[in-house]
N, C-alpha and C. Protein backbone atom coordinates (compact mmCIF):
# COMPACT_ATOMS: atom_id res chain seq x y z
N MET A 1 5.92 9.34 23.63
CA MET A 1 7.20 8.94 22.86
C MET A 1 7.19 8.19 21.69
N TRP A 2 6.36 7.25 21.56
CA TRP A 2 6.20 6.44 20.33
C TRP A 2 5.39 7.15 19.40
N SER A 3 4.52 8.02 19.37
CA SER A 3 3.59 8.71 18.49
C SER A 3 4.74 9.81 17.96
N GLU A 4 5.56 10.45 18.81
CA GLU A 4 6.71 11.04 18.17
C GLU A 4 7.52 10.85 17.35
N LEU A 5 7.85 9.27 17.54
CA LEU A 5 8.79 8.29 16.40
C LEU A 5 8.04 7.99 15.39
N VAL A 6 6.55 7.48 15.24
CA VAL A 6 5.69 7.17 14.37
C VAL A 6 6.01 8.86 13.40
N LYS A 7 5.66 9.89 14.31
CA LYS A 7 5.58 11.19 13.32
C LYS A 7 6.98 11.24 12.80
N ASP A 8 7.99 11.00 13.22
CA ASP A 8 9.39 11.44 12.56
C ASP A 8 9.32 10.48 11.48
N PHE A 9 8.98 9.20 11.76
CA PHE A 9 9.02 8.05 10.46
C PHE A 9 8.36 8.43 9.27
N THR A 10 7.20 8.97 9.72
CA THR A 10 6.27 9.22 8.47
C THR A 10 6.98 10.50 7.89
N ASN A 11 7.13 11.58 8.67
CA ASN A 11 8.03 12.75 7.83
C ASN A 11 9.38 12.15 6.92
N ASP A 12 9.79 11.22 7.65
CA ASP A 12 10.91 10.59 6.76
C ASP A 12 10.38 9.92 5.25
N GLY A 13 9.31 9.65 5.51
CA GLY A 13 8.79 8.62 4.11
C GLY A 13 8.18 9.76 3.46
N LEU A 14 7.63 11.17 3.89
CA LEU A 14 7.68 12.02 3.19
C LEU A 14 8.60 12.75 2.47
N SER A 15 9.95 13.01 3.03
CA SER A 15 11.06 13.66 2.83
C SER A 15 11.37 12.64 1.50
N ARG A 16 11.27 10.97 1.38
CA ARG A 16 11.88 10.26 0.55
C ARG A 16 10.72 10.16 -0.68
N ASN A 17 9.81 10.99 -0.75
CA ASN A 17 8.69 11.04 -1.64
C ASN A 17 7.93 9.78 -1.75
N LEU A 18 7.44 9.38 -0.50
CA LEU A 18 6.38 8.00 -0.58
C LEU A 18 5.00 8.84 -0.69
N SER A 19 4.24 7.93 -0.97
CA SER A 19 3.02 8.55 -1.51
C SER A 19 2.00 9.03 -0.15
N ARG A 20 1.32 9.91 -0.71
CA ARG A 20 0.58 9.98 0.73
C ARG A 20 -0.13 8.87 1.23
N LYS A 21 -0.87 8.12 0.17
CA LYS A 21 -1.45 6.97 0.63
C LYS A 21 -0.76 5.95 1.35
N THR A 22 0.55 5.57 1.11
CA THR A 22 1.67 4.72 1.98
C THR A 22 1.83 5.57 3.64
N ILE A 23 1.82 7.06 3.12
CA ILE A 23 2.00 7.44 4.80
C ILE A 23 0.70 7.63 5.55
N MET A 24 -0.42 7.17 4.88
CA MET A 24 -1.67 7.14 5.95
C MET A 24 -1.50 6.04 6.03
N PHE A 25 -1.14 4.66 5.16
CA PHE A 25 -1.25 3.22 5.63
C PHE A 25 -0.41 3.03 6.68
N TYR A 26 0.92 3.78 6.75
CA TYR A 26 1.62 3.93 8.02
C TYR A 26 0.91 4.32 9.30
N GLN A 27 0.41 5.21 9.36
CA GLN A 27 -0.35 5.87 10.22
C GLN A 27 -1.46 5.16 10.93
N ASP A 28 -2.27 4.55 10.13
CA ASP A 28 -3.40 3.90 10.32
C ASP A 28 -2.80 2.69 10.92
N THR A 29 -1.98 1.95 10.40
CA THR A 29 -1.60 0.56 10.88
C THR A 29 -0.54 0.33 12.25
N LEU A 30 0.00 1.74 12.27
CA LEU A 30 0.93 1.78 13.49
C LEU A 30 0.14 1.95 14.50
N LYS A 31 -0.87 2.92 14.80
CA LYS A 31 -1.82 3.37 15.73
C LYS A 31 -1.91 2.13 16.76
N PRO A 32 -2.15 1.04 16.60
CA PRO A 32 -2.85 0.06 17.24
C PRO A 32 -1.38 -0.85 18.00
N PHE A 33 -0.30 -0.67 17.20
CA PHE A 33 1.05 -1.11 17.74
C PHE A 33 1.13 -0.21 18.62
N VAL A 34 1.36 1.06 18.53
CA VAL A 34 2.02 2.00 19.46
C VAL A 34 0.82 1.98 20.75
N LYS A 35 -0.43 1.94 20.22
CA LYS A 35 -1.16 1.50 21.82
C LYS A 35 -0.99 0.14 22.34
N TYR A 36 -0.77 -0.65 21.91
CA TYR A 36 -0.30 -2.05 22.41
C TYR A 36 1.03 -1.77 23.38
N LEU A 37 1.94 -1.29 22.84
CA LEU A 37 3.09 -0.76 23.66
C LEU A 37 2.65 0.14 24.82
N GLU A 38 2.23 1.03 24.40
CA GLU A 38 1.74 2.03 25.61
C GLU A 38 1.15 1.32 26.65
N THR A 39 0.05 0.30 26.38
CA THR A 39 -0.54 -0.45 27.11
C THR A 39 0.14 -1.04 28.25
N ASN A 40 1.02 -1.56 27.73
CA ASN A 40 1.88 -2.80 28.33
C ASN A 40 3.35 -2.25 28.88
N GLY A 41 3.40 -0.92 28.50
CA GLY A 41 4.19 0.07 29.67
C GLY A 41 5.77 -0.05 28.63
N LEU A 42 5.58 -0.19 27.68
CA LEU A 42 6.95 -0.37 26.89
C LEU A 42 7.31 1.27 26.19
N ASN A 43 8.07 2.26 26.68
CA ASN A 43 7.70 3.30 26.36
C ASN A 43 9.01 3.65 25.98
N THR A 44 10.35 2.76 25.87
CA THR A 44 11.37 3.02 25.03
C THR A 44 11.22 1.87 23.79
N VAL A 45 12.52 2.21 22.95
CA VAL A 45 12.81 1.25 21.83
C VAL A 45 13.60 0.41 22.24
N GLU A 46 14.10 0.21 23.54
CA GLU A 46 15.23 -0.73 23.79
C GLU A 46 14.39 -1.71 24.45
N GLN A 47 13.21 -1.40 24.82
CA GLN A 47 12.22 -2.67 25.45
C GLN A 47 11.56 -3.59 24.58
N VAL A 48 11.52 -3.31 23.09
CA VAL A 48 10.73 -3.80 22.58
C VAL A 48 12.02 -5.04 21.65
N THR A 49 11.55 -6.16 22.13
CA THR A 49 12.46 -7.22 21.57
C THR A 49 11.64 -7.97 20.67
N ALA A 50 12.21 -9.14 19.97
CA ALA A 50 11.39 -10.19 19.16
C ALA A 50 10.07 -10.75 19.69
N ASN A 51 10.38 -11.18 21.39
CA ASN A 51 9.38 -11.47 21.82
C ASN A 51 8.12 -10.62 21.83
N VAL A 52 8.17 -9.64 22.21
CA VAL A 52 7.24 -8.23 22.45
C VAL A 52 6.72 -8.42 20.80
N ILE A 53 7.27 -8.48 19.89
CA ILE A 53 6.86 -8.46 18.67
C ILE A 53 6.24 -9.47 18.05
N LYS A 54 6.42 -10.63 18.69
CA LYS A 54 5.57 -11.98 18.14
C LYS A 54 4.56 -11.96 19.10
N ASN A 55 4.39 -11.51 20.51
CA ASN A 55 3.31 -11.42 21.05
C ASN A 55 2.17 -10.63 20.40
N TYR A 56 2.72 -9.54 20.07
CA TYR A 56 1.83 -8.42 18.93
C TYR A 56 1.11 -9.23 18.02
N MET A 57 2.12 -10.09 17.45
CA MET A 57 1.78 -10.45 15.98
C MET A 57 0.62 -11.52 16.28
N GLY A 58 1.02 -12.30 17.22
CA GLY A 58 -0.11 -13.32 17.66
C GLY A 58 -1.48 -12.70 17.94
N LEU A 59 -1.49 -11.29 18.84
CA LEU A 59 -2.97 -10.99 19.02
C LEU A 59 -3.44 -10.42 17.34
N CYS A 60 -2.69 -9.97 16.84
CA CYS A 60 -3.11 -9.24 15.34
C CYS A 60 -3.73 -10.62 14.30
N CYS A 61 -3.01 -11.71 14.64
CA CYS A 61 -3.69 -12.90 14.08
C CYS A 61 -4.76 -13.59 14.60
N GLU A 62 -4.64 -13.36 15.91
CA GLU A 62 -5.95 -13.83 16.72
C GLU A 62 -7.25 -13.09 16.07
N THR A 63 -6.99 -11.81 16.04
CA THR A 63 -8.30 -10.95 16.01
C THR A 63 -8.55 -10.23 14.28
N LEU A 64 -7.70 -10.34 13.71
CA LEU A 64 -7.68 -9.94 12.39
C LEU A 64 -7.46 -10.83 11.19
N SER A 65 -7.93 -10.31 10.10
CA SER A 65 -7.63 -11.27 8.78
C SER A 65 -6.34 -11.60 8.35
N ASN A 66 -5.96 -12.44 8.06
CA ASN A 66 -4.30 -12.88 7.50
C ASN A 66 -3.76 -11.77 6.97
N GLY A 67 -4.61 -11.11 5.72
CA GLY A 67 -3.95 -9.60 5.16
C GLY A 67 -3.62 -8.98 5.96
N SER A 68 -4.49 -8.62 7.02
CA SER A 68 -4.49 -6.91 7.90
C SER A 68 -3.63 -7.54 9.03
N SER A 69 -3.17 -8.85 9.18
CA SER A 69 -2.24 -9.16 9.98
C SER A 69 -0.74 -8.78 9.67
N HIS A 70 -0.54 -9.28 8.34
CA HIS A 70 0.94 -8.73 7.61
C HIS A 70 0.89 -7.38 7.17
N ALA A 71 -0.16 -7.07 6.95
CA ALA A 71 -0.21 -5.32 6.88
C ALA A 71 0.47 -4.55 7.89
N ARG A 72 -0.51 -4.72 9.03
CA ARG A 72 0.28 -3.93 10.27
C ARG A 72 1.89 -4.60 10.95
N MET A 73 2.18 -5.70 10.79
CA MET A 73 3.57 -6.16 10.73
C MET A 73 4.19 -5.48 9.43
N ARG A 74 4.04 -5.43 8.56
CA ARG A 74 4.82 -4.74 7.85
C ARG A 74 4.94 -3.15 8.17
N SER A 75 4.18 -2.61 8.46
CA SER A 75 4.59 -1.62 8.76
C SER A 75 5.03 -1.14 10.14
N CYS A 76 4.95 -2.34 11.27
CA CYS A 76 6.02 -2.37 12.28
C CYS A 76 7.36 -2.53 11.99
N ARG A 77 7.71 -3.53 11.09
CA ARG A 77 8.99 -3.60 10.40
C ARG A 77 9.71 -2.70 9.96
N ALA A 78 8.89 -1.75 8.66
CA ALA A 78 9.40 -0.64 8.17
C ALA A 78 9.58 0.36 8.97
N LEU A 79 8.72 0.61 10.58
CA LEU A 79 9.20 1.70 11.46
C LEU A 79 10.26 1.23 12.33
N PHE A 80 10.63 0.05 12.57
CA PHE A 80 11.98 -0.80 12.97
C PHE A 80 13.25 -0.54 12.02
N SER A 81 13.15 -0.72 11.08
CA SER A 81 14.19 -0.51 10.00
C SER A 81 14.90 0.96 9.80
N TYR A 82 13.49 1.97 9.89
CA TYR A 82 13.74 3.35 10.24
C TYR A 82 14.64 3.36 11.55
N LEU A 83 14.36 3.01 12.52
CA LEU A 83 14.97 3.41 13.72
C LEU A 83 16.20 2.85 13.78
N LEU A 84 16.71 1.99 13.11
CA LEU A 84 17.89 0.93 12.82
C LEU A 84 18.90 1.93 11.73
N ARG A 85 18.16 2.44 10.83
CA ARG A 85 18.66 3.51 9.91
C ARG A 85 19.61 4.81 10.62
N GLU A 86 18.54 5.36 11.40
CA GLU A 86 18.52 6.23 12.28
C GLU A 86 19.57 6.35 13.43
N GLU A 87 19.87 5.21 13.49
CA GLU A 87 20.77 4.54 14.92
C GLU A 87 20.12 4.83 16.09
N LEU A 88 18.83 4.78 16.31
CA LEU A 88 17.88 4.77 17.63
C LEU A 88 17.83 3.55 18.30
N ILE A 89 18.05 2.58 17.33
CA ILE A 89 18.43 0.87 17.87
C ILE A 89 19.57 0.48 17.13
N THR A 90 20.19 -0.43 18.00
CA THR A 90 21.50 -0.94 17.61
C THR A 90 20.87 -2.31 16.61
N GLU A 91 20.12 -2.76 16.90
CA GLU A 91 19.68 -3.92 16.41
C GLU A 91 18.33 -4.07 16.08
N ASN A 92 17.76 -4.47 14.85
CA ASN A 92 16.42 -4.60 14.55
C ASN A 92 15.69 -5.91 15.04
N PRO A 93 14.74 -5.75 16.05
CA PRO A 93 14.21 -7.16 16.53
C PRO A 93 13.32 -7.93 15.49
N PHE A 94 13.24 -7.13 14.02
CA PHE A 94 12.21 -7.77 13.10
C PHE A 94 13.48 -8.71 12.43
N LYS A 95 14.45 -8.69 12.62
CA LYS A 95 15.44 -9.42 11.94
C LYS A 95 15.35 -10.88 12.17
N LYS A 96 14.75 -11.45 13.36
CA LYS A 96 14.59 -12.91 13.73
C LYS A 96 13.01 -13.04 13.64
N ILE A 97 12.55 -12.38 12.99
CA ILE A 97 10.43 -12.23 12.65
C ILE A 97 10.56 -12.83 11.52
N LYS A 98 9.63 -13.63 10.97
CA LYS A 98 8.94 -14.03 9.84
C LYS A 98 7.78 -13.76 9.91
N LEU A 99 7.14 -12.84 8.93
CA LEU A 99 5.73 -12.16 9.02
C LEU A 99 4.83 -13.38 8.78
N PRO A 100 3.39 -13.36 9.01
CA PRO A 100 2.57 -14.44 8.57
C PRO A 100 2.35 -14.36 7.24
N ARG A 101 2.45 -15.59 6.69
CA ARG A 101 2.32 -16.14 5.37
C ARG A 101 1.16 -15.50 4.81
N LEU A 102 1.09 -15.23 3.80
CA LEU A 102 -0.22 -14.87 2.97
C LEU A 102 -0.58 -15.96 2.09
N LYS A 103 -1.94 -16.19 1.67
CA LYS A 103 -2.27 -16.49 0.84
C LYS A 103 -2.14 -16.56 -0.39
N GLN A 104 -1.46 -16.67 -1.52
CA GLN A 104 -1.28 -16.12 -2.83
C GLN A 104 -2.79 -16.71 -3.85
N GLU A 105 -3.42 -15.44 -3.62
CA GLU A 105 -4.84 -15.65 -4.10
C GLU A 105 -4.61 -15.42 -5.75
N ILE A 106 -5.22 -16.27 -6.77
CA ILE A 106 -5.17 -15.97 -8.21
C ILE A 106 -6.27 -15.21 -8.51
N GLN A 107 -6.16 -14.06 -9.19
CA GLN A 107 -7.02 -12.82 -9.28
C GLN A 107 -8.25 -13.51 -10.33
N LYS A 108 -9.09 -13.16 -10.18
CA LYS A 108 -10.26 -13.68 -10.90
C LYS A 108 -10.43 -12.77 -12.25
N LEU A 109 -10.18 -13.80 -13.58
CA LEU A 109 -10.45 -13.34 -14.56
C LEU A 109 -11.91 -12.42 -15.21
N VAL A 110 -11.75 -11.68 -15.80
CA VAL A 110 -13.02 -11.06 -16.58
C VAL A 110 -13.35 -12.17 -17.67
N THR A 111 -14.62 -12.87 -17.52
CA THR A 111 -15.34 -13.73 -18.60
C THR A 111 -15.50 -13.18 -19.64
N PRO A 112 -15.56 -13.69 -20.89
CA PRO A 112 -15.84 -13.28 -22.03
C PRO A 112 -17.17 -12.41 -22.20
N ASN A 113 -18.00 -13.10 -21.26
CA ASN A 113 -19.61 -12.67 -20.86
C ASN A 113 -19.53 -11.47 -20.17
N GLU A 114 -18.60 -11.18 -19.14
CA GLU A 114 -18.70 -10.19 -18.45
C GLU A 114 -17.98 -8.88 -18.95
N TYR A 115 -17.15 -9.03 -19.75
CA TYR A 115 -16.58 -8.08 -20.81
C TYR A 115 -17.51 -7.56 -21.60
N LYS A 116 -18.54 -8.82 -22.35
CA LYS A 116 -19.47 -8.10 -23.00
C LYS A 116 -20.18 -7.28 -22.47
N VAL A 117 -20.87 -7.47 -21.25
CA VAL A 117 -21.67 -6.69 -20.34
C VAL A 117 -21.26 -5.27 -20.13
N LEU A 118 -19.67 -5.78 -19.81
CA LEU A 118 -19.23 -4.01 -19.31
C LEU A 118 -19.20 -3.19 -20.75
N PHE A 119 -19.04 -3.57 -21.70
CA PHE A 119 -19.04 -2.84 -22.71
C PHE A 119 -20.70 -2.36 -23.29
N GLN A 120 -21.48 -3.34 -23.35
CA GLN A 120 -22.66 -3.02 -23.52
C GLN A 120 -23.41 -2.08 -22.71
N THR A 121 -23.13 -1.81 -21.14
CA THR A 121 -23.54 -0.99 -20.12
C THR A 121 -22.79 0.35 -20.82
N ALA A 122 -21.57 0.31 -21.02
CA ALA A 122 -20.84 1.46 -21.30
C ALA A 122 -21.30 2.32 -22.23
N LEU A 123 -22.17 1.30 -23.52
CA LEU A 123 -22.90 1.89 -24.73
C LEU A 123 -24.03 2.73 -24.33
N LEU A 124 -24.45 2.34 -23.15
CA LEU A 124 -26.07 2.43 -22.63
C LEU A 124 -25.87 4.24 -22.04
N GLY A 125 -24.47 4.41 -21.46
CA GLY A 125 -24.30 5.72 -20.77
C GLY A 125 -24.53 6.91 -21.46
N GLN A 126 -24.33 7.86 -20.78
CA GLN A 126 -24.28 9.57 -21.51
C GLN A 126 -23.20 9.73 -22.60
N ASN A 127 -22.14 9.08 -21.97
CA ASN A 127 -20.75 9.03 -23.01
C ASN A 127 -20.51 7.91 -23.47
N PRO A 128 -21.00 7.19 -24.41
CA PRO A 128 -20.80 5.82 -24.81
C PRO A 128 -19.23 5.77 -25.65
N LEU A 129 -18.91 6.92 -26.21
CA LEU A 129 -17.59 6.71 -26.82
C LEU A 129 -16.27 6.80 -25.73
N ARG A 130 -16.70 7.99 -24.83
CA ARG A 130 -15.71 7.89 -23.81
C ARG A 130 -15.82 6.59 -22.85
N ASP A 131 -16.91 6.25 -22.50
CA ASP A 131 -16.91 4.99 -21.48
C ASP A 131 -16.25 3.72 -22.12
N THR A 132 -16.73 3.61 -23.67
CA THR A 132 -16.03 2.56 -24.31
C THR A 132 -14.23 2.53 -24.17
N ALA A 133 -14.08 3.85 -24.84
CA ALA A 133 -12.59 4.11 -24.89
C ALA A 133 -11.75 3.79 -23.64
N ILE A 134 -12.52 4.12 -22.20
CA ILE A 134 -11.70 3.89 -21.01
C ILE A 134 -11.70 2.90 -20.94
N LEU A 135 -12.93 1.77 -21.10
CA LEU A 135 -12.48 0.07 -20.90
C LEU A 135 -11.67 -0.24 -21.74
N SER A 136 -11.65 0.19 -23.13
CA SER A 136 -10.75 -0.41 -23.82
C SER A 136 -9.02 -0.36 -23.49
N VAL A 137 -8.79 0.72 -23.16
CA VAL A 137 -7.68 1.62 -22.86
C VAL A 137 -7.44 0.32 -21.44
N MET A 138 -8.50 0.53 -20.58
CA MET A 138 -7.74 -0.40 -18.90
C MET A 138 -7.72 -1.51 -19.57
N PHE A 139 -8.75 -2.53 -20.48
CA PHE A 139 -8.28 -4.09 -20.69
C PHE A 139 -6.70 -4.11 -21.70
N ASP A 140 -6.85 -3.03 -22.72
CA ASP A 140 -5.82 -3.17 -23.16
C ASP A 140 -4.37 -3.32 -22.87
N THR A 141 -4.26 -2.39 -21.61
CA THR A 141 -3.31 -1.94 -21.12
C THR A 141 -2.80 -2.30 -20.13
N GLY A 142 -3.84 -2.58 -19.20
CA GLY A 142 -3.70 -2.97 -17.92
C GLY A 142 -3.67 -1.96 -16.61
N LEU A 143 -3.88 -0.62 -17.20
CA LEU A 143 -3.53 0.52 -16.40
C LEU A 143 -4.80 0.34 -15.27
N ARG A 144 -4.32 1.07 -13.92
CA ARG A 144 -5.30 1.38 -12.83
C ARG A 144 -6.27 2.29 -12.86
N SER A 145 -7.56 2.26 -12.54
CA SER A 145 -8.21 3.12 -12.94
C SER A 145 -7.75 4.61 -12.38
N GLN A 146 -6.86 4.75 -11.32
CA GLN A 146 -6.45 5.87 -11.05
C GLN A 146 -5.31 6.64 -11.85
N GLU A 147 -4.77 5.72 -12.39
CA GLU A 147 -3.72 5.68 -13.20
C GLU A 147 -4.40 6.61 -14.80
N LEU A 148 -5.53 6.13 -14.89
CA LEU A 148 -6.10 6.64 -16.32
C LEU A 148 -7.04 7.87 -16.06
N THR A 149 -7.38 8.13 -14.92
CA THR A 149 -8.01 9.11 -14.41
C THR A 149 -7.38 10.14 -14.27
N GLY A 150 -6.11 10.27 -14.03
CA GLY A 150 -5.01 11.13 -13.67
C GLY A 150 -4.06 11.49 -14.79
N MET A 151 -4.80 10.90 -15.99
CA MET A 151 -4.16 11.35 -17.68
C MET A 151 -4.65 12.52 -17.91
N ASP A 152 -4.10 13.27 -18.64
CA ASP A 152 -4.32 14.60 -19.44
C ASP A 152 -4.47 13.88 -21.04
N LEU A 153 -5.32 14.96 -22.15
CA LEU A 153 -4.90 14.66 -23.12
C LEU A 153 -3.61 14.43 -23.81
N ALA A 154 -2.50 15.69 -23.33
CA ALA A 154 -1.63 15.75 -23.54
C ALA A 154 -0.65 14.36 -23.50
N ASP A 155 -1.23 13.77 -22.49
CA ASP A 155 -0.24 12.44 -22.32
C ASP A 155 -0.60 11.50 -23.24
N VAL A 156 -1.47 11.78 -24.39
CA VAL A 156 -1.76 10.60 -25.35
C VAL A 156 -0.84 11.24 -26.38
N THR A 157 -0.32 10.28 -27.22
CA THR A 157 0.72 10.22 -28.44
C THR A 157 -0.24 9.56 -29.31
N ARG A 158 -1.04 10.28 -30.15
CA ARG A 158 -1.57 9.16 -30.80
C ARG A 158 -1.19 8.99 -32.32
N ASP A 159 0.05 9.58 -32.79
CA ASP A 159 0.75 9.27 -33.95
C ASP A 159 1.78 8.31 -33.56
N ARG A 160 2.09 8.28 -32.42
CA ARG A 160 3.30 7.10 -32.12
C ARG A 160 2.36 5.66 -31.26
N GLY A 161 1.21 6.12 -30.67
CA GLY A 161 0.44 4.95 -30.05
C GLY A 161 0.87 4.76 -28.57
N PHE A 162 1.39 6.14 -27.92
CA PHE A 162 2.26 6.07 -26.44
C PHE A 162 0.90 6.82 -25.54
N LEU A 163 1.14 6.27 -24.42
CA LEU A 163 0.25 7.16 -23.43
C LEU A 163 1.13 7.26 -22.12
N LEU A 164 1.26 8.42 -21.48
CA LEU A 164 2.25 8.54 -20.74
C LEU A 164 1.32 8.70 -19.49
N VAL A 165 1.99 7.41 -18.52
CA VAL A 165 1.38 7.70 -17.37
C VAL A 165 2.08 8.19 -16.31
N ARG A 166 1.52 9.20 -15.56
CA ARG A 166 2.64 10.35 -14.69
C ARG A 166 2.13 10.16 -13.29
N HIS A 167 0.86 9.67 -13.22
CA HIS A 167 0.50 9.41 -11.66
C HIS A 167 0.38 7.61 -11.66
N SER A 168 1.36 7.12 -11.73
CA SER A 168 1.23 5.69 -11.41
C SER A 168 1.66 5.39 -9.98
N LYS A 169 1.30 4.17 -9.49
CA LYS A 169 1.30 3.28 -8.16
C LYS A 169 2.91 3.37 -8.06
N GLY A 170 3.15 4.11 -6.97
CA GLY A 170 4.83 4.35 -7.04
C GLY A 170 5.54 5.40 -7.12
N GLY A 171 4.73 6.38 -8.09
CA GLY A 171 5.07 7.90 -8.37
C GLY A 171 5.72 8.03 -9.62
N ASN A 172 5.97 6.55 -10.16
CA ASN A 172 6.93 6.58 -11.23
C ASN A 172 6.26 6.79 -12.84
N HIS A 173 6.85 7.57 -13.66
CA HIS A 173 6.10 8.29 -15.06
C HIS A 173 6.29 6.64 -15.68
N ARG A 174 5.67 6.44 -16.64
CA ARG A 174 6.23 5.23 -17.42
C ARG A 174 5.16 5.21 -18.59
N THR A 175 5.76 4.73 -19.91
CA THR A 175 4.82 5.00 -21.23
C THR A 175 3.95 3.54 -21.38
């Protein structure tokens, strides 16, 4: 039963144009939850209470990193939001649950020396002009590597100084 609900949930995500990576994330992180429910004889949505979720969350927190626990619980919360939206449950047990707190880690900045080494290394490659252009665009714009590699020459408007990003995180186009 749970596997069917997860399949319906992920199909709903596909119909709402969620990315394939998001769908795969949901599938991967919900498998252990489904196994936990089935192992504990919880075969209907009505049997899943806030206490059941808290017990699963405790198990995750004991065995996984804080980030991994949080990721699994976000997927579970999304599943139950879907179940509520589809009127398969009348109340979302996650309403009473706070997810594990995540430490806000400050991203490490690239030092001037690291920046210099990156560009020097790019100059030594087989395509130094291309490689330094890639680094320059990424540093100047903050594009992700996937966004940059998904661009075509037609996405570059040289006379106006614009780049059209068609394959951005979340699937939105931006300039």
